[in-house]
Amino acid sequence: MSIATRKAQARERAKAIRAKLSANPNDFIRNWPGMEPSAVIAGYWPIQNEVDVRPLLKRLSQTHPIVLPVTPRDRLRLSFRRWTPECEMERGPFGTRHPVGAPSDGSGPLLPDVVLVPLLAFTRDGDRLGYGGGYYDATLAALKVEQPSLRSVGIAYAGQMVKLLPKEKTDIPLDYILTENGLITTHL
């Protein structure tokens, strides 16, 4: 069986599991590890049954610059726009949402120091199963070259952890996984 077939089957199982899970958003806020105030944090706008990080982003926006990804139509790497709780949002592909226009502070694109990554399933070692588009893997690979200190934090329900996932050379492991039960340090 090909790796693509194994990943597709794992995605279907993971979607069914995640659809049954929930948690109090305050648990994710409580378990946030804390970052230096100058750290630019890239969040995401939840789609389907992803963990709703909007309460965490709102809290973090009081002390950190927050950016949200813009999913491109013609390449894999995500770009980022500045987000505040009051900013106007627009629809992107795949049901995503992102801030309208250019960053509101006029300073040009902000590169994140920390990237929050949605997922379908994860392993204790930081392997992640996404939707299969490759956007986060391509983005993390490029950002880690530009900013070696970049940290990636998968956001998931604890029940999304599995023992093993099919993986390819292009799959980028996560540094941490934040769940309602706490923070998991992975391969670091």
N, C-alpha and C. Protein backbone atom coordinates (compact mmCIF):
# COMPACT_ATOMS: atom_id res chain seq x y z
N MET A 1 0.85 -1.18 0.00
CA MET A 1 0.00 0.00 0.00
C MET A 1 0.89 1.24 0.00
N SER A 2 0.58 2.20 -0.84
CA SER A 2 1.39 3.41 -0.97
C SER A 2 1.25 4.30 0.28
N ILE A 3 2.24 5.16 0.46
CA ILE A 3 2.18 6.08 1.59
C ILE A 3 1.00 7.05 1.43
N ALA A 4 0.68 7.42 0.20
CA ALA A 4 -0.47 8.32 -0.04
C ALA A 4 -1.77 7.65 0.40
N THR A 5 -1.91 6.38 0.11
CA THR A 5 -3.10 5.64 0.52
C THR A 5 -3.15 5.50 2.03
N ARG A 6 -2.02 5.19 2.64
CA ARG A 6 -1.97 5.06 4.11
C ARG A 6 -2.32 6.38 4.79
N LYS A 7 -1.81 7.49 4.24
CA LYS A 7 -2.12 8.81 4.80
C LYS A 7 -3.60 9.13 4.64
N ALA A 8 -4.17 8.82 3.47
CA ALA A 8 -5.59 9.08 3.24
C ALA A 8 -6.45 8.31 4.23
N GLN A 9 -6.11 7.05 4.47
CA GLN A 9 -6.86 6.24 5.43
C GLN A 9 -6.69 6.79 6.85
N ALA A 10 -5.47 7.20 7.20
CA ALA A 10 -5.22 7.77 8.52
C ALA A 10 -6.00 9.07 8.70
N ARG A 11 -6.10 9.87 7.64
CA ARG A 11 -6.87 11.12 7.71
C ARG A 11 -8.34 10.86 8.01
N GLU A 12 -8.91 9.90 7.35
CA GLU A 12 -10.33 9.58 7.58
C GLU A 12 -10.56 9.13 9.02
N ARG A 13 -9.68 8.28 9.54
CA ARG A 13 -9.80 7.84 10.94
C ARG A 13 -9.65 9.03 11.89
N ALA A 14 -8.63 9.86 11.62
CA ALA A 14 -8.35 11.00 12.50
C ALA A 14 -9.49 12.02 12.49
N LYS A 15 -10.10 12.26 11.34
CA LYS A 15 -11.23 13.19 11.26
C LYS A 15 -12.40 12.69 12.10
N ALA A 16 -12.66 11.39 12.03
CA ALA A 16 -13.77 10.81 12.81
C ALA A 16 -13.50 10.93 14.30
N ILE A 17 -12.27 10.70 14.70
CA ILE A 17 -11.91 10.81 16.12
C ILE A 17 -12.02 12.25 16.58
N ARG A 18 -11.42 13.18 15.82
CA ARG A 18 -11.42 14.59 16.23
C ARG A 18 -12.83 15.16 16.32
N ALA A 19 -13.73 14.70 15.47
CA ALA A 19 -15.11 15.20 15.47
C ALA A 19 -15.82 14.91 16.78
N LYS A 20 -15.34 13.93 17.54
CA LYS A 20 -15.97 13.55 18.81
C LYS A 20 -15.32 14.23 20.01
N LEU A 21 -14.24 14.97 19.81
CA LEU A 21 -13.48 15.55 20.91
C LEU A 21 -13.84 17.02 21.13
N SER A 22 -13.68 17.45 22.36
CA SER A 22 -13.86 18.87 22.69
C SER A 22 -13.11 19.15 23.98
N ALA A 23 -12.93 20.42 24.26
CA ALA A 23 -12.27 20.84 25.50
C ALA A 23 -12.61 22.29 25.76
N ASN A 24 -12.43 22.70 26.98
CA ASN A 24 -12.63 24.09 27.36
C ASN A 24 -11.47 24.91 26.80
N PRO A 25 -11.73 25.98 26.03
CA PRO A 25 -10.64 26.81 25.50
C PRO A 25 -9.70 27.35 26.58
N ASN A 26 -10.22 27.53 27.78
CA ASN A 26 -9.37 28.03 28.86
C ASN A 26 -8.27 27.05 29.23
N ASP A 27 -8.47 25.75 28.95
CA ASP A 27 -7.42 24.78 29.23
C ASP A 27 -6.20 25.03 28.36
N PHE A 28 -6.41 25.43 27.12
CA PHE A 28 -5.29 25.73 26.23
C PHE A 28 -4.60 27.01 26.68
N ILE A 29 -5.37 28.00 27.11
CA ILE A 29 -4.80 29.24 27.63
C ILE A 29 -3.97 28.94 28.88
N ARG A 30 -4.51 28.14 29.77
CA ARG A 30 -3.81 27.80 31.02
C ARG A 30 -2.51 27.05 30.74
N ASN A 31 -2.48 26.21 29.71
CA ASN A 31 -1.30 25.39 29.42
C ASN A 31 -0.30 26.06 28.48
N TRP A 32 -0.61 27.27 28.00
CA TRP A 32 0.31 27.97 27.12
C TRP A 32 1.64 28.17 27.83
N PRO A 33 2.77 27.87 27.19
CA PRO A 33 4.05 27.89 27.89
C PRO A 33 4.62 29.27 28.15
N GLY A 34 4.08 30.29 27.52
CA GLY A 34 4.64 31.63 27.70
C GLY A 34 5.79 31.84 26.72
N MET A 35 5.87 33.02 26.19
CA MET A 35 6.91 33.38 25.22
C MET A 35 7.33 34.80 25.52
N GLU A 36 8.54 35.17 25.08
CA GLU A 36 8.99 36.54 25.25
C GLU A 36 8.02 37.48 24.53
N PRO A 37 7.71 38.64 25.12
CA PRO A 37 6.71 39.54 24.56
C PRO A 37 6.98 39.99 23.12
N SER A 38 8.23 39.98 22.70
CA SER A 38 8.53 40.41 21.33
C SER A 38 8.26 39.31 20.30
N ALA A 39 7.99 38.09 20.75
CA ALA A 39 7.77 36.98 19.83
C ALA A 39 6.50 37.19 19.00
N VAL A 40 6.64 37.09 17.69
CA VAL A 40 5.50 37.16 16.79
C VAL A 40 4.91 35.76 16.72
N ILE A 41 3.63 35.65 17.01
CA ILE A 41 2.97 34.35 17.06
C ILE A 41 1.99 34.23 15.89
N ALA A 42 2.17 33.16 15.12
CA ALA A 42 1.25 32.88 14.01
C ALA A 42 0.19 31.91 14.51
N GLY A 43 -1.04 32.35 14.48
CA GLY A 43 -2.15 31.49 14.85
C GLY A 43 -2.80 30.92 13.60
N TYR A 44 -4.04 30.53 13.71
CA TYR A 44 -4.83 30.09 12.56
C TYR A 44 -6.29 30.31 12.90
N TRP A 45 -7.11 30.42 11.89
CA TRP A 45 -8.55 30.55 12.09
C TRP A 45 -9.12 29.15 11.91
N PRO A 46 -9.77 28.58 12.93
CA PRO A 46 -10.17 27.17 12.86
C PRO A 46 -11.20 26.87 11.78
N ILE A 47 -11.02 25.71 11.15
CA ILE A 47 -11.98 25.19 10.19
C ILE A 47 -12.35 23.78 10.62
N GLN A 48 -13.46 23.32 10.13
CA GLN A 48 -13.96 21.98 10.46
C GLN A 48 -13.99 21.82 11.98
N ASN A 49 -13.39 20.78 12.51
CA ASN A 49 -13.43 20.53 13.96
C ASN A 49 -12.09 20.83 14.63
N GLU A 50 -11.30 21.74 14.05
CA GLU A 50 -10.01 22.06 14.66
C GLU A 50 -10.22 22.72 16.02
N VAL A 51 -9.21 22.59 16.88
CA VAL A 51 -9.26 23.28 18.17
C VAL A 51 -9.44 24.77 17.90
N ASP A 52 -10.39 25.37 18.58
CA ASP A 52 -10.66 26.80 18.43
C ASP A 52 -9.65 27.59 19.25
N VAL A 53 -8.64 28.14 18.58
CA VAL A 53 -7.60 28.89 19.27
C VAL A 53 -7.92 30.38 19.38
N ARG A 54 -9.09 30.79 18.93
CA ARG A 54 -9.40 32.23 18.97
C ARG A 54 -9.35 32.81 20.38
N PRO A 55 -9.84 32.13 21.42
CA PRO A 55 -9.67 32.69 22.77
C PRO A 55 -8.19 32.83 23.18
N LEU A 56 -7.37 31.85 22.79
CA LEU A 56 -5.94 31.94 23.08
C LEU A 56 -5.31 33.10 22.31
N LEU A 57 -5.65 33.25 21.04
CA LEU A 57 -5.11 34.35 20.24
C LEU A 57 -5.50 35.70 20.82
N LYS A 58 -6.75 35.80 21.24
CA LYS A 58 -7.20 37.07 21.84
C LYS A 58 -6.39 37.39 23.09
N ARG A 59 -6.17 36.39 23.93
CA ARG A 59 -5.36 36.60 25.14
C ARG A 59 -3.93 36.96 24.79
N LEU A 60 -3.34 36.23 23.83
CA LEU A 60 -1.95 36.49 23.44
C LEU A 60 -1.78 37.85 22.77
N SER A 61 -2.83 38.33 22.11
CA SER A 61 -2.73 39.62 21.41
C SER A 61 -2.53 40.79 22.38
N GLN A 62 -2.77 40.56 23.66
CA GLN A 62 -2.54 41.61 24.66
C GLN A 62 -1.05 41.83 24.92
N THR A 63 -0.22 40.83 24.59
CA THR A 63 1.20 40.92 24.88
C THR A 63 2.11 40.61 23.69
N HIS A 64 1.55 40.10 22.60
CA HIS A 64 2.36 39.68 21.45
C HIS A 64 1.75 40.15 20.14
N PRO A 65 2.60 40.41 19.15
CA PRO A 65 2.06 40.61 17.80
C PRO A 65 1.55 39.25 17.30
N ILE A 66 0.35 39.24 16.73
CA ILE A 66 -0.26 38.01 16.21
C ILE A 66 -0.42 38.14 14.71
N VAL A 67 -0.10 37.09 13.99
CA VAL A 67 -0.33 37.04 12.55
C VAL A 67 -1.15 35.79 12.25
N LEU A 68 -1.89 35.84 11.15
CA LEU A 68 -2.64 34.68 10.68
C LEU A 68 -2.17 34.34 9.27
N PRO A 69 -2.21 33.06 8.91
CA PRO A 69 -1.75 32.67 7.59
C PRO A 69 -2.76 33.01 6.50
N VAL A 70 -2.19 33.29 5.34
CA VAL A 70 -2.97 33.47 4.13
C VAL A 70 -2.60 32.29 3.23
N THR A 71 -3.58 31.47 2.89
CA THR A 71 -3.33 30.30 2.05
C THR A 71 -3.27 30.74 0.59
N PRO A 72 -2.13 30.51 -0.05
CA PRO A 72 -2.00 30.93 -1.45
C PRO A 72 -2.73 30.00 -2.40
N ARG A 73 -3.05 30.49 -3.55
CA ARG A 73 -3.70 29.66 -4.56
C ARG A 73 -2.69 29.05 -5.54
N ASP A 74 -1.47 29.62 -5.59
CA ASP A 74 -0.53 29.21 -6.62
C ASP A 74 0.80 28.66 -6.11
N ARG A 75 0.98 28.52 -4.82
CA ARG A 75 2.20 27.94 -4.27
C ARG A 75 1.89 27.37 -2.91
N LEU A 76 2.88 26.72 -2.29
CA LEU A 76 2.61 26.06 -1.02
C LEU A 76 2.89 26.91 0.20
N ARG A 77 3.84 27.82 0.12
CA ARG A 77 4.23 28.56 1.33
C ARG A 77 3.15 29.57 1.72
N LEU A 78 2.78 29.51 2.99
CA LEU A 78 1.82 30.47 3.55
C LEU A 78 2.50 31.82 3.73
N SER A 79 1.75 32.89 3.59
CA SER A 79 2.22 34.21 3.99
C SER A 79 1.40 34.59 5.23
N PHE A 80 1.77 35.68 5.87
CA PHE A 80 1.12 36.04 7.13
C PHE A 80 0.73 37.51 7.14
N ARG A 81 -0.43 37.78 7.75
CA ARG A 81 -0.90 39.15 7.92
C ARG A 81 -1.18 39.41 9.40
N ARG A 82 -0.92 40.64 9.80
CA ARG A 82 -1.13 41.04 11.19
C ARG A 82 -2.62 40.92 11.55
N TRP A 83 -2.89 40.38 12.74
CA TRP A 83 -4.26 40.20 13.22
C TRP A 83 -4.41 40.85 14.59
N THR A 84 -5.55 41.48 14.79
CA THR A 84 -5.98 41.94 16.12
C THR A 84 -7.43 41.49 16.26
N PRO A 85 -7.94 41.42 17.48
CA PRO A 85 -9.33 40.99 17.65
C PRO A 85 -10.34 41.87 16.90
N GLU A 86 -9.97 43.11 16.61
CA GLU A 86 -10.90 44.03 15.95
C GLU A 86 -10.75 44.06 14.44
N CYS A 87 -9.76 43.40 13.87
CA CYS A 87 -9.50 43.57 12.44
C CYS A 87 -10.57 42.89 11.58
N GLU A 88 -10.72 43.42 10.38
CA GLU A 88 -11.67 42.88 9.42
C GLU A 88 -11.08 41.61 8.80
N MET A 89 -11.92 40.60 8.65
CA MET A 89 -11.47 39.31 8.11
C MET A 89 -12.12 39.07 6.76
N GLU A 90 -11.44 38.26 5.93
CA GLU A 90 -12.00 37.84 4.65
C GLU A 90 -11.79 36.35 4.46
N ARG A 91 -12.60 35.78 3.57
CA ARG A 91 -12.53 34.34 3.30
C ARG A 91 -11.32 34.01 2.44
N GLY A 92 -10.73 32.85 2.75
CA GLY A 92 -9.66 32.32 1.93
C GLY A 92 -10.08 30.97 1.38
N PRO A 93 -9.18 30.28 0.70
CA PRO A 93 -9.52 28.96 0.17
C PRO A 93 -9.73 27.94 1.29
N PHE A 94 -10.44 26.89 1.01
CA PHE A 94 -10.66 25.77 1.93
C PHE A 94 -11.44 26.15 3.18
N GLY A 95 -12.13 27.28 3.17
CA GLY A 95 -12.89 27.70 4.34
C GLY A 95 -12.08 28.49 5.35
N THR A 96 -10.84 28.82 5.02
CA THR A 96 -10.01 29.59 5.94
C THR A 96 -10.46 31.05 5.96
N ARG A 97 -9.97 31.79 6.94
CA ARG A 97 -10.21 33.23 7.03
C ARG A 97 -8.89 33.88 7.43
N HIS A 98 -8.69 35.11 6.95
CA HIS A 98 -7.48 35.85 7.28
C HIS A 98 -7.77 37.34 7.27
N PRO A 99 -6.89 38.14 7.88
CA PRO A 99 -7.10 39.59 7.88
C PRO A 99 -7.11 40.15 6.46
N VAL A 100 -7.91 41.18 6.29
CA VAL A 100 -8.02 41.85 4.99
C VAL A 100 -6.75 42.65 4.72
N GLY A 101 -6.27 42.61 3.48
CA GLY A 101 -5.19 43.49 3.03
C GLY A 101 -3.85 43.26 3.69
N ALA A 102 -3.04 44.29 3.64
CA ALA A 102 -1.68 44.24 4.17
C ALA A 102 -1.69 44.39 5.68
N PRO A 103 -0.55 44.10 6.34
CA PRO A 103 -0.49 44.28 7.79
C PRO A 103 -0.91 45.69 8.20
N SER A 104 -1.68 45.78 9.26
CA SER A 104 -2.26 47.06 9.67
C SER A 104 -1.24 48.05 10.20
N ASP A 105 -0.06 47.58 10.59
CA ASP A 105 0.91 48.51 11.16
C ASP A 105 1.81 49.13 10.08
N GLY A 106 1.64 48.74 8.82
CA GLY A 106 2.39 49.34 7.73
C GLY A 106 3.84 48.91 7.64
N SER A 107 4.28 47.97 8.44
CA SER A 107 5.68 47.57 8.45
C SER A 107 5.99 46.45 7.47
N GLY A 108 5.03 46.02 6.69
CA GLY A 108 5.25 44.91 5.77
C GLY A 108 4.98 43.59 6.46
N PRO A 109 5.21 42.51 5.74
CA PRO A 109 4.91 41.19 6.31
C PRO A 109 5.72 40.91 7.57
N LEU A 110 5.08 40.34 8.53
CA LEU A 110 5.76 39.93 9.76
C LEU A 110 6.03 38.44 9.69
N LEU A 111 7.26 38.04 9.96
CA LEU A 111 7.58 36.62 10.02
C LEU A 111 7.40 36.14 11.45
N PRO A 112 6.75 35.01 11.63
CA PRO A 112 6.52 34.52 12.98
C PRO A 112 7.77 33.92 13.62
N ASP A 113 7.82 34.01 14.94
CA ASP A 113 8.83 33.32 15.74
C ASP A 113 8.27 32.00 16.24
N VAL A 114 6.94 31.95 16.35
CA VAL A 114 6.22 30.76 16.82
C VAL A 114 5.05 30.54 15.86
N VAL A 115 4.88 29.29 15.41
CA VAL A 115 3.77 28.97 14.51
C VAL A 115 2.88 27.94 15.19
N LEU A 116 1.62 28.31 15.40
CA LEU A 116 0.62 27.37 15.90
C LEU A 116 0.09 26.59 14.70
N VAL A 117 0.09 25.27 14.82
CA VAL A 117 -0.23 24.42 13.67
C VAL A 117 -1.43 23.53 13.99
N PRO A 118 -2.51 23.65 13.22
CA PRO A 118 -3.65 22.74 13.40
C PRO A 118 -3.28 21.36 12.84
N LEU A 119 -3.99 20.34 13.28
CA LEU A 119 -3.65 19.00 12.81
C LEU A 119 -4.81 18.04 12.99
N LEU A 120 -4.68 16.88 12.34
CA LEU A 120 -5.67 15.81 12.48
C LEU A 120 -5.22 14.78 13.50
N ALA A 121 -3.92 14.48 13.52
CA ALA A 121 -3.36 13.51 14.46
C ALA A 121 -1.89 13.86 14.67
N PHE A 122 -1.34 13.39 15.80
CA PHE A 122 0.07 13.63 16.09
C PHE A 122 0.64 12.46 16.89
N THR A 123 1.98 12.36 16.87
CA THR A 123 2.66 11.36 17.70
C THR A 123 3.43 12.08 18.80
N ARG A 124 3.85 11.32 19.77
CA ARG A 124 4.64 11.85 20.90
C ARG A 124 5.94 12.50 20.41
N ASP A 125 6.43 12.03 19.25
CA ASP A 125 7.68 12.54 18.69
C ASP A 125 7.50 13.79 17.84
N GLY A 126 6.27 14.28 17.70
CA GLY A 126 6.03 15.50 16.95
C GLY A 126 5.64 15.30 15.50
N ASP A 127 5.48 14.06 15.08
CA ASP A 127 4.98 13.84 13.72
C ASP A 127 3.53 14.29 13.68
N ARG A 128 3.12 14.86 12.54
CA ARG A 128 1.80 15.47 12.41
C ARG A 128 1.13 15.00 11.13
N LEU A 129 -0.15 14.78 11.23
CA LEU A 129 -0.94 14.48 10.05
C LEU A 129 -1.87 15.65 9.82
N GLY A 130 -1.72 16.28 8.65
CA GLY A 130 -2.58 17.40 8.28
C GLY A 130 -3.56 16.96 7.21
N TYR A 131 -4.07 17.94 6.49
CA TYR A 131 -5.06 17.66 5.45
C TYR A 131 -4.45 17.17 4.14
N GLY A 132 -3.14 17.27 4.00
CA GLY A 132 -2.48 16.74 2.82
C GLY A 132 -2.08 17.77 1.79
N GLY A 133 -2.33 19.05 2.06
CA GLY A 133 -1.97 20.08 1.09
C GLY A 133 -0.49 20.44 1.10
N GLY A 134 0.20 20.19 2.21
CA GLY A 134 1.62 20.49 2.31
C GLY A 134 1.95 21.92 2.67
N TYR A 135 0.93 22.74 2.95
CA TYR A 135 1.17 24.16 3.23
C TYR A 135 2.03 24.38 4.47
N TYR A 136 1.68 23.73 5.57
CA TYR A 136 2.45 23.94 6.80
C TYR A 136 3.84 23.33 6.70
N ASP A 137 3.99 22.18 6.08
CA ASP A 137 5.33 21.59 5.93
C ASP A 137 6.23 22.50 5.10
N ALA A 138 5.73 23.00 3.98
CA ALA A 138 6.53 23.89 3.13
C ALA A 138 6.87 25.18 3.86
N THR A 139 5.92 25.71 4.59
CA THR A 139 6.14 26.96 5.32
C THR A 139 7.14 26.77 6.45
N LEU A 140 6.98 25.72 7.25
CA LEU A 140 7.90 25.47 8.35
C LEU A 140 9.31 25.21 7.83
N ALA A 141 9.45 24.45 6.75
CA ALA A 141 10.77 24.17 6.19
C ALA A 141 11.46 25.47 5.78
N ALA A 142 10.74 26.36 5.09
CA ALA A 142 11.32 27.63 4.65
C ALA A 142 11.62 28.55 5.83
N LEU A 143 10.69 28.64 6.77
CA LEU A 143 10.90 29.54 7.91
C LEU A 143 12.06 29.08 8.79
N LYS A 144 12.25 27.77 8.94
CA LYS A 144 13.35 27.28 9.78
C LYS A 144 14.71 27.61 9.17
N VAL A 145 14.78 27.77 7.85
CA VAL A 145 16.02 28.20 7.20
C VAL A 145 16.24 29.69 7.49
N GLU A 146 15.17 30.48 7.37
CA GLU A 146 15.26 31.93 7.58
C GLU A 146 15.41 32.29 9.05
N GLN A 147 14.76 31.51 9.92
CA GLN A 147 14.77 31.78 11.36
C GLN A 147 15.00 30.47 12.10
N PRO A 148 16.26 30.08 12.29
CA PRO A 148 16.55 28.79 12.92
C PRO A 148 15.93 28.62 14.31
N SER A 149 15.62 29.74 14.98
CA SER A 149 15.03 29.65 16.32
C SER A 149 13.51 29.48 16.29
N LEU A 150 12.92 29.40 15.09
CA LEU A 150 11.47 29.23 14.96
C LEU A 150 11.00 28.03 15.77
N ARG A 151 9.86 28.20 16.44
CA ARG A 151 9.25 27.10 17.19
C ARG A 151 7.89 26.80 16.60
N SER A 152 7.61 25.52 16.43
CA SER A 152 6.30 25.09 15.92
C SER A 152 5.55 24.39 17.04
N VAL A 153 4.30 24.79 17.21
CA VAL A 153 3.46 24.25 18.30
C VAL A 153 2.18 23.69 17.68
N GLY A 154 2.05 22.39 17.66
CA GLY A 154 0.82 21.77 17.21
C GLY A 154 -0.27 22.00 18.25
N ILE A 155 -1.47 22.28 17.79
CA ILE A 155 -2.60 22.50 18.69
C ILE A 155 -3.58 21.36 18.46
N ALA A 156 -3.86 20.60 19.52
CA ALA A 156 -4.69 19.40 19.34
C ALA A 156 -5.35 19.02 20.65
N TYR A 157 -6.38 18.21 20.52
CA TYR A 157 -6.95 17.55 21.69
C TYR A 157 -6.04 16.38 22.04
N ALA A 158 -5.92 16.07 23.31
CA ALA A 158 -5.08 14.95 23.73
C ALA A 158 -5.49 13.65 23.05
N GLY A 159 -6.77 13.48 22.78
CA GLY A 159 -7.28 12.28 22.14
C GLY A 159 -6.86 12.12 20.69
N GLN A 160 -6.18 13.11 20.12
CA GLN A 160 -5.70 13.01 18.74
C GLN A 160 -4.33 12.35 18.65
N MET A 161 -3.71 12.04 19.79
CA MET A 161 -2.39 11.42 19.77
C MET A 161 -2.51 9.95 19.35
N VAL A 162 -1.62 9.54 18.45
CA VAL A 162 -1.54 8.16 17.98
C VAL A 162 -0.10 7.68 18.16
N LYS A 163 0.10 6.38 18.07
CA LYS A 163 1.46 5.84 18.25
C LYS A 163 2.35 6.08 17.05
N LEU A 164 1.79 5.97 15.85
CA LEU A 164 2.59 6.03 14.64
C LEU A 164 1.78 6.63 13.50
N LEU A 165 2.45 7.41 12.66
CA LEU A 165 1.82 7.99 11.47
C LEU A 165 2.68 7.70 10.25
N PRO A 166 2.08 7.48 9.11
CA PRO A 166 2.88 7.36 7.89
C PRO A 166 3.52 8.72 7.61
N LYS A 167 4.79 8.71 7.20
CA LYS A 167 5.43 10.01 6.96
C LYS A 167 6.36 9.94 5.76
N GLU A 168 6.61 11.13 5.23
CA GLU A 168 7.48 11.31 4.08
C GLU A 168 8.62 12.24 4.45
N LYS A 169 9.62 12.32 3.59
CA LYS A 169 10.78 13.18 3.86
C LYS A 169 10.38 14.65 4.01
N THR A 170 9.32 15.06 3.35
CA THR A 170 8.90 16.46 3.39
C THR A 170 8.07 16.81 4.62
N ASP A 171 7.72 15.82 5.44
CA ASP A 171 6.93 16.08 6.65
C ASP A 171 7.85 16.65 7.73
N ILE A 172 7.51 17.82 8.22
CA ILE A 172 8.32 18.51 9.23
C ILE A 172 7.75 18.22 10.62
N PRO A 173 8.56 17.63 11.53
CA PRO A 173 8.05 17.37 12.88
C PRO A 173 7.86 18.68 13.66
N LEU A 174 6.91 18.64 14.58
CA LEU A 174 6.62 19.79 15.43
C LEU A 174 7.51 19.78 16.66
N ASP A 175 7.79 20.98 17.19
CA ASP A 175 8.62 21.09 18.38
C ASP A 175 7.83 20.81 19.66
N TYR A 176 6.58 21.22 19.66
CA TYR A 176 5.71 21.05 20.82
C TYR A 176 4.30 20.71 20.35
N ILE A 177 3.54 20.11 21.25
CA ILE A 177 2.11 19.92 21.04
C ILE A 177 1.41 20.48 22.28
N LEU A 178 0.49 21.40 22.07
CA LEU A 178 -0.30 21.96 23.17
C LEU A 178 -1.67 21.30 23.14
N THR A 179 -2.02 20.64 24.25
CA THR A 179 -3.34 20.03 24.37
C THR A 179 -4.04 20.60 25.61
N GLU A 180 -5.28 20.20 25.79
CA GLU A 180 -6.02 20.63 26.98
C GLU A 180 -5.41 20.05 28.25
N ASN A 181 -4.58 19.01 28.11
CA ASN A 181 -3.94 18.38 29.28
C ASN A 181 -2.55 18.90 29.57
N GLY A 182 -1.98 19.72 28.70
CA GLY A 182 -0.65 20.24 28.94
C GLY A 182 0.16 20.37 27.68
N LEU A 183 1.44 20.73 27.84
CA LEU A 183 2.36 20.93 26.75
C LEU A 183 3.29 19.72 26.63
N ILE A 184 3.42 19.19 25.43
CA ILE A 184 4.31 18.06 25.17
C ILE A 184 5.50 18.59 24.40
N THR A 185 6.71 18.36 24.93
CA THR A 185 7.93 18.67 24.20
C THR A 185 8.26 17.43 23.39
N THR A 186 8.50 17.59 22.11
CA THR A 186 8.66 16.44 21.23
C THR A 186 10.13 16.08 21.02
N HIS A 187 10.63 16.27 19.85
CA HIS A 187 11.98 15.82 19.46
C HIS A 187 13.12 16.72 19.91
N LEU A 188 12.83 17.80 20.59
CA LEU A 188 13.90 18.74 20.97
C LEU A 188 14.88 18.13 21.93
